Amino acid sequence: MLQRIQTVYLLVVSICMFLCGALPLLSFIFNGDAITFEATGIYINGRVSHITWGLLSISCLSAILALVTLFFYKKRKTQVRMTIVNIVLIVCFYLSLGSRLYIFLSGQMPQFIRPGIGLAMPLISIVFCVMAIRSIKADEALVRSLDRLR
C-alpha cells in the first residue's frame, strides 16, 4: 500500500483539502469593510457575519474520502470510483463557494479581491486525484498483463 505512488497522491489530496478548510479562501473590501471568506464563515472586520459550515463539511468529507480510498488498494476499480466521487465533491465545493459568495455580494462587485491560498488547494487536489487515477489504472494494466503470463 505505501510503496505505490497513488498513495502519495491521495495523501496530498487529503492534506490539501484539510488545509482548504483551515486557510482563508478570499479577502476583499466590500462597502468599506474588510471581509475574509473562509470555509468556516464570512468575517466582516474580524467578526463572524455568516456561517458557512457547508464548505467546511465538504472539504473535510473530501479529505476523509481520500484517506479511506487509500485502504482499498486491493480493489483498484473501487479505488478509481471513489477518487472520481472525490473529484465531484471538490467541484461541489467550488460551486457552493461561488453560490455563497454570489448570495453574500448580492450581485455587486467588491472593490478589491485578494484570493487566499485556500482557494487553490481544491484545484491542486483535483490535479492529484487525476494523477492518482492514472496511476491506479496503470497498476490495473500491470496486474492484468501479469495474469496473462500465467
N, C-alpha and C. Protein backbone atom coordinates (compact mmCIF):
# COMPACT_ATOMS: atom_id res chain seq x y z
N MET A 1 0.82 -1.19 0.00
CA MET A 1 0.00 0.00 0.00
C MET A 1 0.87 1.26 0.00
N LEU A 2 1.83 1.36 0.88
CA LEU A 2 2.61 2.58 0.99
C LEU A 2 3.66 2.73 -0.10
N GLN A 3 3.99 1.65 -0.79
CA GLN A 3 5.01 1.74 -1.81
C GLN A 3 4.46 2.18 -3.16
N ARG A 4 3.17 2.41 -3.26
CA ARG A 4 2.56 2.83 -4.51
C ARG A 4 2.48 4.35 -4.58
N ILE A 5 2.67 4.90 -5.76
CA ILE A 5 2.71 6.35 -5.93
C ILE A 5 1.34 6.98 -5.72
N GLN A 6 0.27 6.23 -6.02
CA GLN A 6 -1.05 6.81 -5.83
C GLN A 6 -1.37 7.02 -4.36
N THR A 7 -0.69 6.29 -3.47
CA THR A 7 -0.85 6.54 -2.04
C THR A 7 -0.36 7.94 -1.69
N VAL A 8 0.76 8.32 -2.26
CA VAL A 8 1.30 9.66 -2.02
C VAL A 8 0.35 10.71 -2.60
N TYR A 9 -0.17 10.45 -3.78
CA TYR A 9 -1.08 11.40 -4.41
C TYR A 9 -2.34 11.59 -3.56
N LEU A 10 -2.90 10.51 -3.07
CA LEU A 10 -4.11 10.61 -2.26
C LEU A 10 -3.84 11.25 -0.90
N LEU A 11 -2.65 11.04 -0.36
CA LEU A 11 -2.29 11.74 0.88
C LEU A 11 -2.18 13.24 0.65
N VAL A 12 -1.63 13.64 -0.49
CA VAL A 12 -1.54 15.06 -0.82
C VAL A 12 -2.94 15.66 -0.98
N VAL A 13 -3.85 14.90 -1.59
CA VAL A 13 -5.23 15.36 -1.74
C VAL A 13 -5.86 15.59 -0.36
N SER A 14 -5.65 14.64 0.54
CA SER A 14 -6.20 14.75 1.87
C SER A 14 -5.64 15.97 2.62
N ILE A 15 -4.35 16.16 2.55
CA ILE A 15 -3.71 17.30 3.23
C ILE A 15 -4.20 18.62 2.64
N CYS A 16 -4.29 18.68 1.31
CA CYS A 16 -4.75 19.92 0.66
C CYS A 16 -6.18 20.26 1.05
N MET A 17 -7.04 19.27 1.14
CA MET A 17 -8.43 19.55 1.49
C MET A 17 -8.58 19.92 2.95
N PHE A 18 -7.76 19.34 3.84
CA PHE A 18 -7.78 19.80 5.23
C PHE A 18 -7.29 21.24 5.33
N LEU A 19 -6.25 21.58 4.57
CA LEU A 19 -5.75 22.95 4.57
C LEU A 19 -6.78 23.92 4.00
N CYS A 20 -7.55 23.46 3.03
CA CYS A 20 -8.58 24.29 2.44
C CYS A 20 -9.62 24.69 3.49
N GLY A 21 -9.90 23.78 4.40
CA GLY A 21 -10.85 24.09 5.46
C GLY A 21 -10.29 25.02 6.52
N ALA A 22 -8.97 25.12 6.61
CA ALA A 22 -8.34 25.90 7.67
C ALA A 22 -7.84 27.27 7.20
N LEU A 23 -7.51 27.40 5.94
CA LEU A 23 -6.92 28.65 5.44
C LEU A 23 -7.98 29.57 4.85
N PRO A 24 -7.70 30.88 4.80
CA PRO A 24 -8.65 31.82 4.19
C PRO A 24 -8.77 31.58 2.68
N LEU A 25 -9.99 31.69 2.18
CA LEU A 25 -10.24 31.49 0.76
C LEU A 25 -10.14 32.79 -0.03
N LEU A 26 -10.77 33.84 0.47
CA LEU A 26 -10.77 35.13 -0.20
C LEU A 26 -10.72 36.25 0.83
N SER A 27 -10.11 37.33 0.45
CA SER A 27 -10.17 38.57 1.23
C SER A 27 -10.54 39.68 0.27
N PHE A 28 -11.46 40.53 0.67
CA PHE A 28 -11.84 41.64 -0.20
C PHE A 28 -12.43 42.77 0.62
N ILE A 29 -12.57 43.91 -0.03
CA ILE A 29 -13.18 45.09 0.59
C ILE A 29 -14.53 45.29 -0.08
N PHE A 30 -15.57 45.36 0.73
CA PHE A 30 -16.93 45.50 0.22
C PHE A 30 -17.66 46.51 1.10
N ASN A 31 -18.14 47.57 0.50
CA ASN A 31 -18.83 48.66 1.21
C ASN A 31 -17.98 49.25 2.34
N GLY A 32 -16.68 49.32 2.12
CA GLY A 32 -15.77 49.90 3.11
C GLY A 32 -15.37 48.98 4.23
N ASP A 33 -15.83 47.73 4.22
CA ASP A 33 -15.49 46.76 5.26
C ASP A 33 -14.50 45.74 4.73
N ALA A 34 -13.55 45.33 5.57
CA ALA A 34 -12.61 44.27 5.21
C ALA A 34 -13.29 42.93 5.49
N ILE A 35 -13.42 42.12 4.46
CA ILE A 35 -14.13 40.86 4.57
C ILE A 35 -13.18 39.72 4.25
N THR A 36 -13.20 38.70 5.10
CA THR A 36 -12.42 37.49 4.89
C THR A 36 -13.40 36.33 4.75
N PHE A 37 -13.28 35.61 3.67
CA PHE A 37 -14.15 34.47 3.38
C PHE A 37 -13.36 33.21 3.67
N GLU A 38 -13.81 32.43 4.64
CA GLU A 38 -13.18 31.16 4.99
C GLU A 38 -14.20 30.04 4.88
N ALA A 39 -13.74 28.81 5.02
CA ALA A 39 -14.65 27.68 4.94
C ALA A 39 -15.56 27.60 6.16
N THR A 40 -15.16 28.24 7.25
CA THR A 40 -15.98 28.22 8.46
C THR A 40 -16.97 29.37 8.52
N GLY A 41 -16.70 30.45 7.81
CA GLY A 41 -17.62 31.57 7.84
C GLY A 41 -17.10 32.78 7.10
N ILE A 42 -17.94 33.81 7.04
CA ILE A 42 -17.58 35.07 6.43
C ILE A 42 -17.36 36.06 7.57
N TYR A 43 -16.16 36.62 7.60
CA TYR A 43 -15.78 37.52 8.68
C TYR A 43 -15.74 38.95 8.15
N ILE A 44 -16.50 39.82 8.80
CA ILE A 44 -16.50 41.23 8.46
C ILE A 44 -15.78 41.97 9.58
N ASN A 45 -14.64 42.58 9.24
CA ASN A 45 -13.79 43.27 10.20
C ASN A 45 -13.44 42.39 11.41
N GLY A 46 -13.19 41.11 11.17
CA GLY A 46 -12.78 40.20 12.22
C GLY A 46 -13.90 39.53 12.99
N ARG A 47 -15.15 39.87 12.70
CA ARG A 47 -16.28 39.26 13.39
C ARG A 47 -17.07 38.39 12.43
N VAL A 48 -17.58 37.29 12.94
CA VAL A 48 -18.34 36.36 12.11
C VAL A 48 -19.67 36.99 11.71
N SER A 49 -19.91 37.02 10.40
CA SER A 49 -21.16 37.56 9.89
C SER A 49 -22.10 36.44 9.43
N HIS A 50 -21.58 35.54 8.63
CA HIS A 50 -22.34 34.40 8.12
C HIS A 50 -21.55 33.13 8.38
N ILE A 51 -22.26 32.09 8.75
CA ILE A 51 -21.59 30.80 8.99
C ILE A 51 -21.72 29.96 7.73
N THR A 52 -20.61 29.41 7.28
CA THR A 52 -20.59 28.57 6.07
C THR A 52 -20.02 27.19 6.41
N TRP A 53 -20.68 26.50 7.30
CA TRP A 53 -20.19 25.19 7.70
C TRP A 53 -20.31 24.16 6.57
N GLY A 54 -21.14 24.43 5.60
CA GLY A 54 -21.27 23.51 4.47
C GLY A 54 -19.95 23.37 3.71
N LEU A 55 -19.24 24.47 3.54
CA LEU A 55 -17.95 24.43 2.85
C LEU A 55 -16.94 23.62 3.66
N LEU A 56 -16.95 23.83 4.97
CA LEU A 56 -16.02 23.08 5.83
C LEU A 56 -16.36 21.59 5.81
N SER A 57 -17.63 21.26 5.83
CA SER A 57 -18.01 19.85 5.82
C SER A 57 -17.66 19.18 4.49
N ILE A 58 -17.81 19.90 3.39
CA ILE A 58 -17.44 19.33 2.09
C ILE A 58 -15.94 19.11 2.01
N SER A 59 -15.15 20.06 2.49
CA SER A 59 -13.69 19.89 2.43
C SER A 59 -13.23 18.76 3.35
N CYS A 60 -13.81 18.66 4.54
CA CYS A 60 -13.43 17.56 5.45
C CYS A 60 -13.88 16.21 4.91
N LEU A 61 -15.07 16.17 4.33
CA LEU A 61 -15.56 14.92 3.74
C LEU A 61 -14.66 14.47 2.59
N SER A 62 -14.22 15.41 1.79
CA SER A 62 -13.32 15.09 0.69
C SER A 62 -11.98 14.58 1.20
N ALA A 63 -11.46 15.21 2.25
CA ALA A 63 -10.18 14.77 2.83
C ALA A 63 -10.30 13.37 3.43
N ILE A 64 -11.39 13.11 4.12
CA ILE A 64 -11.60 11.79 4.73
C ILE A 64 -11.80 10.74 3.65
N LEU A 65 -12.51 11.09 2.59
CA LEU A 65 -12.71 10.14 1.48
C LEU A 65 -11.39 9.77 0.83
N ALA A 66 -10.48 10.74 0.70
CA ALA A 66 -9.17 10.44 0.13
C ALA A 66 -8.38 9.49 1.04
N LEU A 67 -8.51 9.67 2.34
CA LEU A 67 -7.82 8.77 3.27
C LEU A 67 -8.43 7.37 3.24
N VAL A 68 -9.75 7.29 3.15
CA VAL A 68 -10.41 5.98 3.10
C VAL A 68 -10.06 5.26 1.81
N THR A 69 -9.92 6.01 0.73
CA THR A 69 -9.59 5.42 -0.57
C THR A 69 -8.24 4.70 -0.53
N LEU A 70 -7.35 5.16 0.31
CA LEU A 70 -6.04 4.51 0.44
C LEU A 70 -6.14 3.04 0.81
N PHE A 71 -7.12 2.71 1.64
CA PHE A 71 -7.22 1.37 2.17
C PHE A 71 -7.93 0.39 1.24
N PHE A 72 -8.34 0.84 0.08
CA PHE A 72 -8.94 -0.03 -0.92
C PHE A 72 -7.91 -0.40 -1.99
N TYR A 73 -6.66 -0.60 -1.58
CA TYR A 73 -5.60 -0.84 -2.55
C TYR A 73 -5.73 -2.19 -3.25
N LYS A 74 -6.48 -3.12 -2.69
CA LYS A 74 -6.67 -4.41 -3.37
C LYS A 74 -7.84 -4.35 -4.36
N LYS A 75 -8.69 -3.38 -4.21
CA LYS A 75 -9.83 -3.20 -5.11
C LYS A 75 -9.61 -1.94 -5.92
N ARG A 76 -8.89 -2.07 -6.99
CA ARG A 76 -8.47 -0.90 -7.76
C ARG A 76 -9.63 -0.21 -8.47
N LYS A 77 -10.61 -0.97 -8.93
CA LYS A 77 -11.76 -0.34 -9.60
C LYS A 77 -12.57 0.49 -8.61
N THR A 78 -12.73 -0.02 -7.41
CA THR A 78 -13.42 0.74 -6.37
C THR A 78 -12.63 1.99 -6.01
N GLN A 79 -11.32 1.86 -6.00
CA GLN A 79 -10.46 3.00 -5.69
C GLN A 79 -10.62 4.10 -6.75
N VAL A 80 -10.71 3.72 -7.99
CA VAL A 80 -10.91 4.70 -9.07
C VAL A 80 -12.26 5.39 -8.91
N ARG A 81 -13.30 4.60 -8.61
CA ARG A 81 -14.63 5.19 -8.44
C ARG A 81 -14.68 6.17 -7.27
N MET A 82 -14.03 5.79 -6.17
CA MET A 82 -14.02 6.67 -5.00
C MET A 82 -13.25 7.96 -5.29
N THR A 83 -12.21 7.86 -6.09
CA THR A 83 -11.45 9.06 -6.45
C THR A 83 -12.27 9.96 -7.37
N ILE A 84 -13.04 9.38 -8.26
CA ILE A 84 -13.93 10.17 -9.12
C ILE A 84 -15.00 10.87 -8.28
N VAL A 85 -15.54 10.17 -7.28
CA VAL A 85 -16.51 10.78 -6.37
C VAL A 85 -15.85 11.95 -5.63
N ASN A 86 -14.59 11.78 -5.28
CA ASN A 86 -13.86 12.85 -4.60
C ASN A 86 -13.72 14.08 -5.50
N ILE A 87 -13.45 13.87 -6.77
CA ILE A 87 -13.36 14.98 -7.72
C ILE A 87 -14.71 15.71 -7.80
N VAL A 88 -15.79 14.95 -7.83
CA VAL A 88 -17.13 15.55 -7.87
C VAL A 88 -17.38 16.37 -6.60
N LEU A 89 -16.95 15.86 -5.44
CA LEU A 89 -17.09 16.61 -4.19
C LEU A 89 -16.31 17.93 -4.23
N ILE A 90 -15.13 17.88 -4.79
CA ILE A 90 -14.31 19.10 -4.86
C ILE A 90 -14.95 20.12 -5.80
N VAL A 91 -15.52 19.66 -6.90
CA VAL A 91 -16.24 20.56 -7.81
C VAL A 91 -17.46 21.15 -7.09
N CYS A 92 -18.14 20.33 -6.29
CA CYS A 92 -19.27 20.83 -5.49
C CYS A 92 -18.81 21.88 -4.48
N PHE A 93 -17.59 21.73 -3.97
CA PHE A 93 -17.04 22.74 -3.07
C PHE A 93 -16.93 24.08 -3.78
N TYR A 94 -16.37 24.08 -4.99
CA TYR A 94 -16.25 25.32 -5.75
C TYR A 94 -17.63 25.90 -6.10
N LEU A 95 -18.58 25.05 -6.47
CA LEU A 95 -19.92 25.55 -6.79
C LEU A 95 -20.59 26.15 -5.56
N SER A 96 -20.44 25.51 -4.43
CA SER A 96 -21.01 26.02 -3.19
C SER A 96 -20.34 27.33 -2.79
N LEU A 97 -19.04 27.41 -2.96
CA LEU A 97 -18.31 28.64 -2.67
C LEU A 97 -18.80 29.79 -3.55
N GLY A 98 -18.96 29.51 -4.81
CA GLY A 98 -19.44 30.54 -5.74
C GLY A 98 -20.85 31.00 -5.41
N SER A 99 -21.73 30.06 -5.06
CA SER A 99 -23.10 30.45 -4.74
C SER A 99 -23.16 31.24 -3.44
N ARG A 100 -22.38 30.84 -2.43
CA ARG A 100 -22.35 31.60 -1.17
C ARG A 100 -21.82 33.01 -1.40
N LEU A 101 -20.79 33.10 -2.21
CA LEU A 101 -20.20 34.41 -2.49
C LEU A 101 -21.18 35.30 -3.26
N TYR A 102 -21.88 34.72 -4.23
CA TYR A 102 -22.85 35.48 -5.00
C TYR A 102 -24.01 35.96 -4.12
N ILE A 103 -24.48 35.08 -3.25
CA ILE A 103 -25.57 35.46 -2.34
C ILE A 103 -25.11 36.56 -1.39
N PHE A 104 -23.89 36.44 -0.87
CA PHE A 104 -23.40 37.44 0.06
C PHE A 104 -23.22 38.80 -0.60
N LEU A 105 -22.67 38.79 -1.80
CA LEU A 105 -22.42 40.06 -2.50
C LEU A 105 -23.67 40.61 -3.16
N SER A 106 -24.70 39.80 -3.30
CA SER A 106 -25.98 40.17 -3.91
C SER A 106 -25.80 40.84 -5.28
N GLY A 107 -24.90 40.27 -6.07
CA GLY A 107 -24.72 40.72 -7.44
C GLY A 107 -23.82 41.95 -7.61
N GLN A 108 -23.34 42.55 -6.53
CA GLN A 108 -22.48 43.72 -6.63
C GLN A 108 -21.02 43.27 -6.65
N MET A 109 -20.17 44.11 -7.20
CA MET A 109 -18.74 43.79 -7.25
C MET A 109 -18.01 44.43 -6.07
N PRO A 110 -17.13 43.66 -5.41
CA PRO A 110 -16.32 44.26 -4.35
C PRO A 110 -15.23 45.14 -4.95
N GLN A 111 -14.65 45.99 -4.10
CA GLN A 111 -13.63 46.93 -4.58
C GLN A 111 -12.30 46.25 -4.84
N PHE A 112 -11.92 45.31 -4.00
CA PHE A 112 -10.60 44.69 -4.10
C PHE A 112 -10.72 43.23 -3.70
N ILE A 113 -10.23 42.35 -4.54
CA ILE A 113 -10.30 40.91 -4.23
C ILE A 113 -8.88 40.37 -4.18
N ARG A 114 -8.55 39.69 -3.09
CA ARG A 114 -7.27 39.02 -2.95
C ARG A 114 -7.53 37.54 -2.64
N PRO A 115 -7.28 36.66 -3.62
CA PRO A 115 -7.52 35.24 -3.35
C PRO A 115 -6.51 34.71 -2.33
N GLY A 116 -7.00 33.86 -1.44
CA GLY A 116 -6.14 33.24 -0.45
C GLY A 116 -5.58 31.93 -0.95
N ILE A 117 -4.64 31.38 -0.21
CA ILE A 117 -4.02 30.11 -0.60
C ILE A 117 -5.02 28.95 -0.50
N GLY A 118 -6.01 29.10 0.36
CA GLY A 118 -7.02 28.05 0.50
C GLY A 118 -7.86 27.86 -0.74
N LEU A 119 -7.95 28.89 -1.57
CA LEU A 119 -8.74 28.81 -2.80
C LEU A 119 -8.08 27.91 -3.84
N ALA A 120 -6.76 27.80 -3.80
CA ALA A 120 -6.03 26.98 -4.77
C ALA A 120 -5.95 25.51 -4.35
N MET A 121 -6.15 25.22 -3.08
CA MET A 121 -5.99 23.85 -2.59
C MET A 121 -6.94 22.84 -3.25
N PRO A 122 -8.23 23.15 -3.45
CA PRO A 122 -9.08 22.19 -4.15
C PRO A 122 -8.63 21.93 -5.60
N LEU A 123 -8.13 22.96 -6.27
CA LEU A 123 -7.65 22.77 -7.64
C LEU A 123 -6.43 21.84 -7.65
N ILE A 124 -5.53 22.05 -6.71
CA ILE A 124 -4.37 21.16 -6.58
C ILE A 124 -4.83 19.74 -6.28
N SER A 125 -5.87 19.61 -5.46
CA SER A 125 -6.41 18.29 -5.13
C SER A 125 -6.99 17.59 -6.35
N ILE A 126 -7.66 18.34 -7.21
CA ILE A 126 -8.20 17.74 -8.43
C ILE A 126 -7.07 17.21 -9.31
N VAL A 127 -6.00 17.98 -9.43
CA VAL A 127 -4.86 17.54 -10.25
C VAL A 127 -4.27 16.25 -9.67
N PHE A 128 -4.10 16.19 -8.37
CA PHE A 128 -3.54 14.99 -7.76
C PHE A 128 -4.51 13.81 -7.81
N CYS A 129 -5.81 14.07 -7.79
CA CYS A 129 -6.79 12.98 -7.97
C CYS A 129 -6.67 12.37 -9.36
N VAL A 130 -6.52 13.23 -10.36
CA VAL A 130 -6.38 12.73 -11.74
C VAL A 130 -5.08 11.93 -11.87
N MET A 131 -4.01 12.41 -11.24
CA MET A 131 -2.75 11.67 -11.28
C MET A 131 -2.89 10.33 -10.56
N ALA A 132 -3.65 10.28 -9.47
CA ALA A 132 -3.87 9.03 -8.75
C ALA A 132 -4.67 8.05 -9.60
N ILE A 133 -5.69 8.55 -10.30
CA ILE A 133 -6.48 7.67 -11.17
C ILE A 133 -5.60 7.08 -12.27
N ARG A 134 -4.73 7.89 -12.85
CA ARG A 134 -3.84 7.37 -13.90
C ARG A 134 -2.91 6.30 -13.34
N SER A 135 -2.41 6.50 -12.13
CA SER A 135 -1.51 5.50 -11.53
C SER A 135 -2.25 4.22 -11.16
N ILE A 136 -3.47 4.36 -10.68
CA ILE A 136 -4.27 3.18 -10.34
C ILE A 136 -4.57 2.38 -11.60
N LYS A 137 -4.91 3.06 -12.68
CA LYS A 137 -5.19 2.36 -13.94
C LYS A 137 -3.93 1.69 -14.48
N ALA A 138 -2.77 2.31 -14.29
CA ALA A 138 -1.51 1.69 -14.72
C ALA A 138 -1.23 0.43 -13.91
N ASP A 139 -1.52 0.46 -12.61
CA ASP A 139 -1.37 -0.74 -11.78
C ASP A 139 -2.32 -1.84 -12.24
N GLU A 140 -3.53 -1.47 -12.57
CA GLU A 140 -4.52 -2.45 -13.04
C GLU A 140 -4.05 -3.08 -14.35
N ALA A 141 -3.50 -2.30 -15.25
CA ALA A 141 -2.99 -2.83 -16.51
C ALA A 141 -1.81 -3.76 -16.26
N LEU A 142 -0.95 -3.42 -15.31
CA LEU A 142 0.18 -4.26 -14.98
C LEU A 142 -0.27 -5.60 -14.40
N VAL A 143 -1.26 -5.57 -13.53
CA VAL A 143 -1.77 -6.81 -12.94
C VAL A 143 -2.42 -7.68 -14.01
N ARG A 144 -3.16 -7.07 -14.92
CA ARG A 144 -3.80 -7.85 -15.99
C ARG A 144 -2.76 -8.46 -16.93
N SER A 145 -1.69 -7.73 -17.19
CA SER A 145 -0.66 -8.29 -18.08
C SER A 145 0.08 -9.44 -17.40
N LEU A 146 0.26 -9.36 -16.10
CA LEU A 146 0.89 -10.45 -15.38
C LEU A 146 -0.02 -11.66 -15.28
N ASP A 147 -1.32 -11.45 -15.22
CA ASP A 147 -2.26 -12.57 -15.19
C ASP A 147 -2.26 -13.31 -16.52
N ARG A 148 -2.01 -12.63 -17.61
CA ARG A 148 -1.99 -13.27 -18.91
C ARG A 148 -0.77 -14.19 -19.06
N LEU A 149 0.31 -13.86 -18.38
CA LEU A 149 1.54 -14.64 -18.50
C LEU A 149 1.44 -15.97 -17.78
N ARG A 150 0.59 -16.09 -16.81
CA ARG A 150 0.49 -17.35 -16.05
C ARG A 150 -0.14 -18.43 -16.81
